[in-house]
Each structure stands twice: as C-alpha cells, then as structure tokens.
Amino acid sequence: MEMSPRETVSPAYLSLASLATYSGLSRSTLRRLLAAGALPYYKPRGGKILISVVEFDEWLVRHRVAAGADANAILRDVLEPDRAARRRSA
C-alpha cells in the first residue's frame, strides 16, 4: 500500500544536521547547546546524536523571548545559566 504525500511520516528524532535544517540554527550553535547541557539529546549505543523533535519544540517554546530582545544576550543566558542568574539577582 502506497502512502499519499499527506500521509508521509515525520521522524520522531533528528540528527544534528537535520535539526539544523529544521530549526534554522547552525550546527555549531546546536553543538554548543548540547555541550552546555542546555538541549536534551540521545546517543544510542554511543553512536550518532539524535534529538527528539517534540522535546526540541518544547525546549524552543520555553525559550521564547519578547520582540526586541538581544539575541546574543539570550544565547549567553542559555549557554551560561550561572551568569544569567547573577545578572537577574543584581
């Protein structure tokens, strides 16, 4: 039985390269987020890194910022949470 274009299945997990295409973020930015522990991922049997589309979308919604916010400051807050907490408490 052939599937129509409307019935195509989207993958539940994406590779880093596919996530970069999906999100519009560069692979280097995604790698920094992974290394900082800011973005959840899976590495089955020590192989390729996989990211859940659902978890990524939820993560993205949690990091929504009002219009006009400084993108560099946002990225620093995600990559350096201690620095962001100190800035908020000052």
PDB file of N, CA and C in Angstrom:
ATOM      1  N   MET A   1       0.846  -1.177   0.000  1.00  0.00           N
ATOM      2  CA  MET A   1       0.000   0.000   0.000  1.00  0.00           C
ATOM      3  C   MET A   1       0.885   1.233   0.000  1.00  0.00           C
ATOM      4  N   GLU A   2       0.687   2.118  -0.977  1.00  0.00           N
ATOM      5  CA  GLU A   2       1.482   3.321  -1.095  1.00  0.00           C
ATOM      6  C   GLU A   2       0.856   4.454  -0.289  1.00  0.00           C
ATOM      7  N   MET A   3       1.723   5.289   0.309  1.00  0.00           N
ATOM      8  CA  MET A   3       1.235   6.417   1.094  1.00  0.00           C
ATOM      9  C   MET A   3       1.151   7.659   0.208  1.00  0.00           C
ATOM     10  N   SER A   4       0.091   8.418   0.390  1.00  0.00           N
ATOM     11  CA  SER A   4      -0.027   9.677  -0.339  1.00  0.00           C
ATOM     12  C   SER A   4       0.890  10.702   0.336  1.00  0.00           C
ATOM     13  N   PRO A   5       1.201  11.817  -0.338  1.00  0.00           N
ATOM     14  CA  PRO A   5       2.051  12.843   0.288  1.00  0.00           C
ATOM     15  C   PRO A   5       1.510  13.339   1.617  1.00  0.00           C
ATOM     16  N   ARG A   6       0.202  13.346   1.790  1.00  0.00           N
ATOM     17  CA  ARG A   6      -0.389  13.794   3.052  1.00  0.00           C
ATOM     18  C   ARG A   6      -0.152  12.801   4.184  1.00  0.00           C
ATOM     19  N   GLU A   7       0.140  11.575   3.839  1.00  0.00           N
ATOM     20  CA  GLU A   7       0.308  10.534   4.856  1.00  0.00           C
ATOM     21  C   GLU A   7       1.767  10.253   5.179  1.00  0.00           C
ATOM     22  N   THR A   8       2.683  11.057   4.680  1.00  0.00           N
ATOM     23  CA  THR A   8       4.091  10.803   4.963  1.00  0.00           C
ATOM     24  C   THR A   8       4.342  10.940   6.454  1.00  0.00           C
ATOM     25  N   VAL A   9       5.261  10.185   6.934  1.00  0.00           N
ATOM     26  CA  VAL A   9       5.568  10.157   8.359  1.00  0.00           C
ATOM     27  C   VAL A   9       6.781  11.040   8.635  1.00  0.00           C
ATOM     28  N   SER A  10       6.661  11.911   9.606  1.00  0.00           N
ATOM     29  CA  SER A  10       7.791  12.733  10.025  1.00  0.00           C
ATOM     30  C   SER A  10       8.586  11.959  11.056  1.00  0.00           C
ATOM     31  N   PRO A  11       9.904  12.076  11.034  1.00  0.00           N
ATOM     32  CA  PRO A  11      10.702  11.346  12.011  1.00  0.00           C
ATOM     33  C   PRO A  11      10.512  11.923  13.412  1.00  0.00           C
ATOM     34  N   ALA A  12      10.541  11.057  14.400  1.00  0.00           N
ATOM     35  CA  ALA A  12      10.413  11.495  15.785  1.00  0.00           C
ATOM     36  C   ALA A  12      11.739  12.050  16.312  1.00  0.00           C
ATOM     37  N   TYR A  13      12.846  11.618  15.708  1.00  0.00           N
ATOM     38  CA  TYR A  13      14.180  12.049  16.123  1.00  0.00           C
ATOM     39  C   TYR A  13      14.945  12.539  14.901  1.00  0.00           C
ATOM     40  N   LEU A  14      15.742  13.587  15.102  1.00  0.00           N
ATOM     41  CA  LEU A  14      16.531  14.145  14.011  1.00  0.00           C
ATOM     42  C   LEU A  14      18.011  14.106  14.356  1.00  0.00           C
ATOM     43  N   SER A  15      18.833  13.945  13.334  1.00  0.00           N
ATOM     44  CA  SER A  15      20.282  14.067  13.513  1.00  0.00           C
ATOM     45  C   SER A  15      20.599  15.552  13.690  1.00  0.00           C
ATOM     46  N   LEU A  16      21.818  15.857  14.073  1.00  0.00           N
ATOM     47  CA  LEU A  16      22.231  17.240  14.255  1.00  0.00           C
ATOM     48  C   LEU A  16      22.076  18.031  12.956  1.00  0.00           C
ATOM     49  N   ALA A  17      22.489  17.443  11.840  1.00  0.00           N
ATOM     50  CA  ALA A  17      22.377  18.123  10.545  1.00  0.00           C
ATOM     51  C   ALA A  17      20.910  18.373  10.187  1.00  0.00           C
ATOM     52  N   SER A  18      20.059  17.386  10.422  1.00  0.00           N
ATOM     53  CA  SER A  18      18.633  17.549  10.124  1.00  0.00           C
ATOM     54  C   SER A  18      17.986  18.567  11.049  1.00  0.00           C
ATOM     55  N   LEU A  19      18.404  18.585  12.318  1.00  0.00           N
ATOM     56  CA  LEU A  19      17.863  19.567  13.257  1.00  0.00           C
ATOM     57  C   LEU A  19      18.279  20.979  12.855  1.00  0.00           C
ATOM     58  N   ALA A  20      19.489  21.131  12.348  1.00  0.00           N
ATOM     59  CA  ALA A  20      19.929  22.447  11.879  1.00  0.00           C
ATOM     60  C   ALA A  20      19.024  22.931  10.753  1.00  0.00           C
ATOM     61  N   THR A  21      18.698  22.052   9.838  1.00  0.00           N
ATOM     62  CA  THR A  21      17.796  22.402   8.739  1.00  0.00           C
ATOM     63  C   THR A  21      16.395  22.703   9.275  1.00  0.00           C
ATOM     64  N   TYR A  22      15.908  21.868  10.165  1.00  0.00           N
ATOM     65  CA  TYR A  22      14.571  22.015  10.746  1.00  0.00           C
ATOM     66  C   TYR A  22      14.436  23.331  11.517  1.00  0.00           C
ATOM     67  N   SER A  23      15.464  23.664  12.307  1.00  0.00           N
ATOM     68  CA  SER A  23      15.367  24.805  13.217  1.00  0.00           C
ATOM     69  C   SER A  23      15.883  26.115  12.641  1.00  0.00           C
ATOM     70  N   GLY A  24      16.773  26.018  11.657  1.00  0.00           N
ATOM     71  CA  GLY A  24      17.404  27.225  11.144  1.00  0.00           C
ATOM     72  C   GLY A  24      18.611  27.653  11.959  1.00  0.00           C
ATOM     73  N   LEU A  25      18.933  26.882  13.004  1.00  0.00           N
ATOM     74  CA  LEU A  25      20.131  27.155  13.802  1.00  0.00           C
ATOM     75  C   LEU A  25      21.319  26.455  13.161  1.00  0.00           C
ATOM     76  N   SER A  26      22.497  27.016  13.330  1.00  0.00           N
ATOM     77  CA  SER A  26      23.682  26.379  12.758  1.00  0.00           C
ATOM     78  C   SER A  26      24.053  25.142  13.570  1.00  0.00           C
ATOM     79  N   ARG A  27      24.780  24.232  12.944  1.00  0.00           N
ATOM     80  CA  ARG A  27      25.238  23.039  13.664  1.00  0.00           C
ATOM     81  C   ARG A  27      26.159  23.419  14.807  1.00  0.00           C
ATOM     82  N   SER A  28      26.978  24.455  14.615  1.00  0.00           N
ATOM     83  CA  SER A  28      27.892  24.858  15.703  1.00  0.00           C
ATOM     84  C   SER A  28      27.107  25.393  16.902  1.00  0.00           C
ATOM     85  N   THR A  29      26.037  26.141  16.652  1.00  0.00           N
ATOM     86  CA  THR A  29      25.196  26.615  17.760  1.00  0.00           C
ATOM     87  C   THR A  29      24.544  25.440  18.471  1.00  0.00           C
ATOM     88  N   LEU A  30      24.034  24.493  17.707  1.00  0.00           N
ATOM     89  CA  LEU A  30      23.421  23.314  18.318  1.00  0.00           C
ATOM     90  C   LEU A  30      24.446  22.523  19.122  1.00  0.00           C
ATOM     91  N   ARG A  31      25.662  22.380  18.598  1.00  0.00           N
ATOM     92  CA  ARG A  31      26.719  21.668  19.348  1.00  0.00           C
ATOM     93  C   ARG A  31      27.031  22.365  20.665  1.00  0.00           C
ATOM     94  N   ARG A  32      27.087  23.707  20.644  1.00  0.00           N
ATOM     95  CA  ARG A  32      27.345  24.458  21.884  1.00  0.00           C
ATOM     96  C   ARG A  32      26.220  24.226  22.889  1.00  0.00           C
ATOM     97  N   LEU A  33      24.975  24.228  22.417  1.00  0.00           N
ATOM     98  CA  LEU A  33      23.842  23.984  23.311  1.00  0.00           C
ATOM     99  C   LEU A  33      23.897  22.577  23.902  1.00  0.00           C
ATOM    100  N   LEU A  34      24.279  21.598  23.093  1.00  0.00           N
ATOM    101  CA  LEU A  34      24.409  20.220  23.581  1.00  0.00           C
ATOM    102  C   LEU A  34      25.540  20.112  24.597  1.00  0.00           C
ATOM    103  N   ALA A  35      26.680  20.716  24.283  1.00  0.00           N
ATOM    104  CA  ALA A  35      27.840  20.644  25.183  1.00  0.00           C
ATOM    105  C   ALA A  35      27.558  21.324  26.517  1.00  0.00           C
ATOM    106  N   ALA A  36      26.754  22.377  26.492  1.00  0.00           N
ATOM    107  CA  ALA A  36      26.417  23.099  27.719  1.00  0.00           C
ATOM    108  C   ALA A  36      25.328  22.388  28.519  1.00  0.00           C
ATOM    109  N   GLY A  37      24.756  21.328  27.943  1.00  0.00           N
ATOM    110  CA  GLY A  37      23.676  20.612  28.633  1.00  0.00           C
ATOM    111  C   GLY A  37      22.352  21.342  28.557  1.00  0.00           C
ATOM    112  N   ALA A  38      22.249  22.315  27.667  1.00  0.00           N
ATOM    113  CA  ALA A  38      21.029  23.109  27.564  1.00  0.00           C
ATOM    114  C   ALA A  38      19.961  22.441  26.709  1.00  0.00           C
ATOM    115  N   LEU A  39      20.362  21.515  25.868  1.00  0.00           N
ATOM    116  CA  LEU A  39      19.437  20.874  24.933  1.00  0.00           C
ATOM    117  C   LEU A  39      19.491  19.365  25.138  1.00  0.00           C
ATOM    118  N   PRO A  40      18.342  18.725  25.388  1.00  0.00           N
ATOM    119  CA  PRO A  40      18.343  17.267  25.595  1.00  0.00           C
ATOM    120  C   PRO A  40      18.608  16.510  24.295  1.00  0.00           C
ATOM    121  N   TYR A  41      19.337  15.394  24.416  1.00  0.00           N
ATOM    122  CA  TYR A  41      19.626  14.577  23.231  1.00  0.00           C
ATOM    123  C   TYR A  41      19.825  13.129  23.634  1.00  0.00           C
ATOM    124  N   TYR A  42      19.884  12.277  22.637  1.00  0.00           N
ATOM    125  CA  TYR A  42      20.095  10.840  22.826  1.00  0.00           C
ATOM    126  C   TYR A  42      21.284  10.419  21.991  1.00  0.00           C
ATOM    127  N   LYS A  43      22.006   9.433  22.475  1.00  0.00           N
ATOM    128  CA  LYS A  43      23.153   8.895  21.745  1.00  0.00           C
ATOM    129  C   LYS A  43      23.133   7.382  21.924  1.00  0.00           C
ATOM    130  N   PRO A  44      22.239   6.719  21.190  1.00  0.00           N
ATOM    131  CA  PRO A  44      22.092   5.273  21.369  1.00  0.00           C
ATOM    132  C   PRO A  44      23.365   4.523  21.020  1.00  0.00           C
ATOM    133  N   ARG A  45      23.780   3.675  21.941  1.00  0.00           N
ATOM    134  CA  ARG A  45      24.965   2.834  21.773  1.00  0.00           C
ATOM    135  C   ARG A  45      26.206   3.636  21.408  1.00  0.00           C
ATOM    136  N   GLY A  46      26.273   4.876  21.877  1.00  0.00           N
ATOM    137  CA  GLY A  46      27.443   5.697  21.620  1.00  0.00           C
ATOM    138  C   GLY A  46      27.562   6.171  20.189  1.00  0.00           C
ATOM    139  N   GLY A  47      26.499   6.052  19.426  1.00  0.00           N
ATOM    140  CA  GLY A  47      26.521   6.421  18.008  1.00  0.00           C
ATOM    141  C   GLY A  47      26.162   7.868  17.758  1.00  0.00           C
ATOM    142  N   LYS A  48      25.424   8.072  16.705  1.00  0.00           N
ATOM    143  CA  LYS A  48      25.039   9.404  16.261  1.00  0.00           C
ATOM    144  C   LYS A  48      24.126  10.075  17.283  1.00  0.00           C
ATOM    145  N   ILE A  49      24.285  11.377  17.447  1.00  0.00           N
ATOM    146  CA  ILE A  49      23.426  12.168  18.328  1.00  0.00           C
ATOM    147  C   ILE A  49      22.067  12.324  17.666  1.00  0.00           C
ATOM    148  N   LEU A  50      21.015  12.066  18.438  1.00  0.00           N
ATOM    149  CA  LEU A  50      19.644  12.235  17.966  1.00  0.00           C
ATOM    150  C   LEU A  50      18.897  13.146  18.924  1.00  0.00           C
ATOM    151  N   ILE A  51      18.075  14.012  18.370  1.00  0.00           N
ATOM    152  CA  ILE A  51      17.298  14.942  19.163  1.00  0.00           C
ATOM    153  C   ILE A  51      15.817  14.702  18.866  1.00  0.00           C
ATOM    154  N   SER A  52      15.022  14.573  19.923  1.00  0.00           N
ATOM    155  CA  SER A  52      13.583  14.384  19.773  1.00  0.00           C
ATOM    156  C   SER A  52      12.963  15.682  19.252  1.00  0.00           C
ATOM    157  N   VAL A  53      12.175  15.581  18.195  1.00  0.00           N
ATOM    158  CA  VAL A  53      11.516  16.756  17.634  1.00  0.00           C
ATOM    159  C   VAL A  53      10.571  17.363  18.668  1.00  0.00           C
ATOM    160  N   VAL A  54       9.822  16.526  19.365  1.00  0.00           N
ATOM    161  CA  VAL A  54       8.880  17.011  20.379  1.00  0.00           C
ATOM    162  C   VAL A  54       9.638  17.729  21.493  1.00  0.00           C
ATOM    163  N   GLU A  55      10.717  17.141  22.005  1.00  0.00           N
ATOM    164  CA  GLU A  55      11.484  17.773  23.076  1.00  0.00           C
ATOM    165  C   GLU A  55      12.140  19.065  22.602  1.00  0.00           C
ATOM    166  N   PHE A  56      12.628  19.086  21.360  1.00  0.00           N
ATOM    167  CA  PHE A  56      13.222  20.314  20.836  1.00  0.00           C
ATOM    168  C   PHE A  56      12.175  21.415  20.741  1.00  0.00           C
ATOM    169  N   ASP A  57      10.996  21.092  20.214  1.00  0.00           N
ATOM    170  CA  ASP A  57       9.934  22.092  20.101  1.00  0.00           C
ATOM    171  C   ASP A  57       9.524  22.619  21.471  1.00  0.00           C
ATOM    172  N   GLU A  58       9.442  21.733  22.469  1.00  0.00           N
ATOM    173  CA  GLU A  58       9.118  22.163  23.834  1.00  0.00           C
ATOM    174  C   GLU A  58      10.216  23.058  24.390  1.00  0.00           C
ATOM    175  N   TRP A  59      11.475  22.677  24.147  1.00  0.00           N
ATOM    176  CA  TRP A  59      12.617  23.482  24.588  1.00  0.00           C
ATOM    177  C   TRP A  59      12.557  24.871  23.940  1.00  0.00           C
ATOM    178  N   LEU A  60      12.246  24.908  22.657  1.00  0.00           N
ATOM    179  CA  LEU A  60      12.179  26.167  21.929  1.00  0.00           C
ATOM    180  C   LEU A  60      11.092  27.075  22.503  1.00  0.00           C
ATOM    181  N   VAL A  61       9.931  26.522  22.808  1.00  0.00           N
ATOM    182  CA  VAL A  61       8.833  27.302  23.381  1.00  0.00           C
ATOM    183  C   VAL A  61       9.233  27.862  24.743  1.00  0.00           C
ATOM    184  N   ARG A  62       9.945  27.073  25.546  1.00  0.00           N
ATOM    185  CA  ARG A  62      10.381  27.554  26.868  1.00  0.00           C
ATOM    186  C   ARG A  62      11.355  28.720  26.756  1.00  0.00           C
ATOM    187  N   HIS A  63      12.011  28.864  25.620  1.00  0.00           N
ATOM    188  CA  HIS A  63      12.994  29.931  25.443  1.00  0.00           C
ATOM    189  C   HIS A  63      12.474  31.053  24.553  1.00  0.00           C
ATOM    190  N   ARG A  64      11.157  31.169  24.486  1.00  0.00           N
ATOM    191  CA  ARG A  64      10.553  32.253  23.717  1.00  0.00           C
ATOM    192  C   ARG A  64      10.900  33.574  24.380  1.00  0.00           C
ATOM    193  N   VAL A  65      11.191  34.574  23.556  1.00  0.00           N
ATOM    194  CA  VAL A  65      11.587  35.881  24.059  1.00  0.00           C
ATOM    195  C   VAL A  65      10.718  36.941  23.390  1.00  0.00           C
ATOM    196  N   ALA A  66      10.399  37.947  24.151  1.00  0.00           N
ATOM    197  CA  ALA A  66       9.593  39.037  23.608  1.00  0.00           C
ATOM    198  C   ALA A  66      10.337  39.735  22.479  1.00  0.00           C
ATOM    199  N   ALA A  67       9.605  40.329  21.570  1.00  0.00           N
ATOM    200  CA  ALA A  67      10.204  41.039  20.436  1.00  0.00           C
ATOM    201  C   ALA A  67      11.156  42.115  20.930  1.00  0.00           C
ATOM    202  N   GLY A  68      12.241  42.274  20.193  1.00  0.00           N
ATOM    203  CA  GLY A  68      13.206  43.313  20.520  1.00  0.00           C
ATOM    204  C   GLY A  68      14.301  42.873  21.481  1.00  0.00           C
ATOM    205  N   ALA A  69      14.241  41.651  21.963  1.00  0.00           N
ATOM    206  CA  ALA A  69      15.270  41.182  22.896  1.00  0.00           C
ATOM    207  C   ALA A  69      16.590  40.968  22.151  1.00  0.00           C
ATOM    208  N   ASP A  70      17.689  41.114  22.849  1.00  0.00           N
ATOM    209  CA  ASP A  70      19.019  40.954  22.275  1.00  0.00           C
ATOM    210  C   ASP A  70      19.336  39.467  22.121  1.00  0.00           C
ATOM    211  N   ALA A  71      19.487  39.007  20.883  1.00  0.00           N
ATOM    212  CA  ALA A  71      19.729  37.590  20.609  1.00  0.00           C
ATOM    213  C   ALA A  71      21.012  37.092  21.252  1.00  0.00           C
ATOM    214  N   ASN A  72      22.066  37.899  21.274  1.00  0.00           N
ATOM    215  CA  ASN A  72      23.326  37.466  21.893  1.00  0.00           C
ATOM    216  C   ASN A  72      23.157  37.271  23.394  1.00  0.00           C
ATOM    217  N   ALA A  73      22.415  38.144  24.039  1.00  0.00           N
ATOM    218  CA  ALA A  73      22.174  38.001  25.478  1.00  0.00           C
ATOM    219  C   ALA A  73      21.379  36.739  25.763  1.00  0.00           C
ATOM    220  N   ILE A  74      20.426  36.428  24.902  1.00  0.00           N
ATOM    221  CA  ILE A  74      19.621  35.221  25.067  1.00  0.00           C
ATOM    222  C   ILE A  74      20.500  33.985  24.958  1.00  0.00           C
ATOM    223  N   LEU A  75      21.347  33.947  23.955  1.00  0.00           N
ATOM    224  CA  LEU A  75      22.235  32.803  23.766  1.00  0.00           C
ATOM    225  C   LEU A  75      23.183  32.660  24.952  1.00  0.00           C
ATOM    226  N   ARG A  76      23.714  33.773  25.462  1.00  0.00           N
ATOM    227  CA  ARG A  76      24.591  33.710  26.646  1.00  0.00           C
ATOM    228  C   ARG A  76      23.824  33.156  27.842  1.00  0.00           C
ATOM    229  N   ASP A  77      22.562  33.578  28.008  1.00  0.00           N
ATOM    230  CA  ASP A  77      21.754  33.085  29.129  1.00  0.00           C
ATOM    231  C   ASP A  77      21.555  31.580  29.052  1.00  0.00           C
ATOM    232  N   VAL A  78      21.373  31.062  27.850  1.00  0.00           N
ATOM    233  CA  VAL A  78      21.177  29.623  27.680  1.00  0.00           C
ATOM    234  C   VAL A  78      22.480  28.877  27.909  1.00  0.00           C
ATOM    235  N   LEU A  79      23.581  29.411  27.374  1.00  0.00           N
ATOM    236  CA  LEU A  79      24.861  28.716  27.469  1.00  0.00           C
ATOM    237  C   LEU A  79      25.559  28.936  28.806  1.00  0.00           C
ATOM    238  N   GLU A  80      25.241  30.050  29.478  1.00  0.00           N
ATOM    239  CA  GLU A  80      25.883  30.361  30.753  1.00  0.00           C
ATOM    240  C   GLU A  80      24.809  30.702  31.790  1.00  0.00           C
ATOM    241  N   PRO A  81      24.054  29.693  32.262  1.00  0.00           N
ATOM    242  CA  PRO A  81      22.932  29.971  33.167  1.00  0.00           C
ATOM    243  C   PRO A  81      23.352  30.628  34.479  1.00  0.00           C
ATOM    244  N   ASP A  82      24.566  30.350  34.990  1.00  0.00           N
ATOM    245  CA  ASP A  82      25.013  30.975  36.239  1.00  0.00           C
ATOM    246  C   ASP A  82      25.156  32.481  36.066  1.00  0.00           C
ATOM    247  N   ARG A  83      25.698  32.881  34.934  1.00  0.00           N
ATOM    248  CA  ARG A  83      25.879  34.303  34.637  1.00  0.00           C
ATOM    249  C   ARG A  83      24.521  34.993  34.538  1.00  0.00           C
ATOM    250  N   ALA A  84      23.558  34.337  33.913  1.00  0.00           N
ATOM    251  CA  ALA A  84      22.225  34.914  33.763  1.00  0.00           C
ATOM    252  C   ALA A  84      21.566  35.069  35.128  1.00  0.00           C
ATOM    253  N   ALA A  85      21.711  34.082  36.005  1.00  0.00           N
ATOM    254  CA  ALA A  85      21.122  34.156  37.351  1.00  0.00           C
ATOM    255  C   ALA A  85      21.739  35.300  38.156  1.00  0.00           C
ATOM    256  N   ARG A  86      23.053  35.463  38.038  1.00  0.00           N
ATOM    257  CA  ARG A  86      23.719  36.569  38.751  1.00  0.00           C
ATOM    258  C   ARG A  86      23.208  37.912  38.247  1.00  0.00           C
ATOM    259  N   ARG A  87      23.024  38.030  36.935  1.00  0.00           N
ATOM    260  CA  ARG A  87      22.570  39.284  36.346  1.00  0.00           C
ATOM    261  C   ARG A  87      21.139  39.589  36.803  1.00  0.00           C
ATOM    262  N   ARG A  88      20.301  38.573  36.908  1.00  0.00           N
ATOM    263  CA  ARG A  88      18.919  38.774  37.336  1.00  0.00           C
ATOM    264  C   ARG A  88      18.837  39.169  38.813  1.00  0.00           C
ATOM    265  N   SER A  89      19.740  38.645  39.639  1.00  0.00           N
ATOM    266  CA  SER A  89      19.679  38.929  41.074  1.00  0.00           C
ATOM    267  C   SER A  89      20.312  40.264  41.430  1.00  0.00           C
ATOM    268  N   ALA A  90      21.061  40.849  40.518  1.00  0.00           N
ATOM    269  CA  ALA A  90      21.721  42.145  40.793  1.00  0.00           C
ATOM    270  C   ALA A  90      20.756  43.290  40.709  1.00  0.00           C
TER     271      ALA A  90
END
